[in-house]
Amino acid sequence: MILKAEREDLQEILQLQYLAYQSEANLFGSRDISPLKQTLDEVIEEWNSGVILKMTDDTNTIIGSVRAIERDGTAYIGKLMVHPDHQHKGYGTMLLSEIEKCFPHKRYELFTSTRSLDNIRLYQKLGYTIFARKAVNDELEFVYMEKYENN
């Protein structure tokens, strides 16, 4: 089930984030990535200014989440995550589709590391195209992807 997260869900979502982003950190051999350093106060700030969705299993445990904020006609989507034990079941696709429904008739933008090939393939399969690349340092480069929804 996918619902809007409540304030009391945010600590559990942050713990899931710390777990889910371990694989991303492993791509770089470093735990020094922003999703692993984010604080609960920062997540609360995102919840106050945007939309955070949660996916729960049949025991009401949060197994997935995604968030977005709208600015100037673009929905900026971030922190799409699924618990490692529940990946490759279509849950990421479901979460992304649901967050897009929260911002109908918009331009959607997200980014991921160039090393996250599975993420890039998923986003391309769902209609996103790369429009920019940005090198953060010698080790880290992001691709920025967009999709337009006019239906």
Foldseek 3Di string as FASTA:
>chain_A
DKDWDDLVCLVLLLVQLLQFCPVVCVLQVHCPDVSNVDDSVVSVVQVVAWTKMFDADPVRRTFWIKIWHDDPQETEIDDTGGRPVPPPPCVSVVRVVVRCVVRAQGKYKYKDWPSPVVVVVVVVVVPWDFDDKAAPDPRTIMTMIMHGHHD
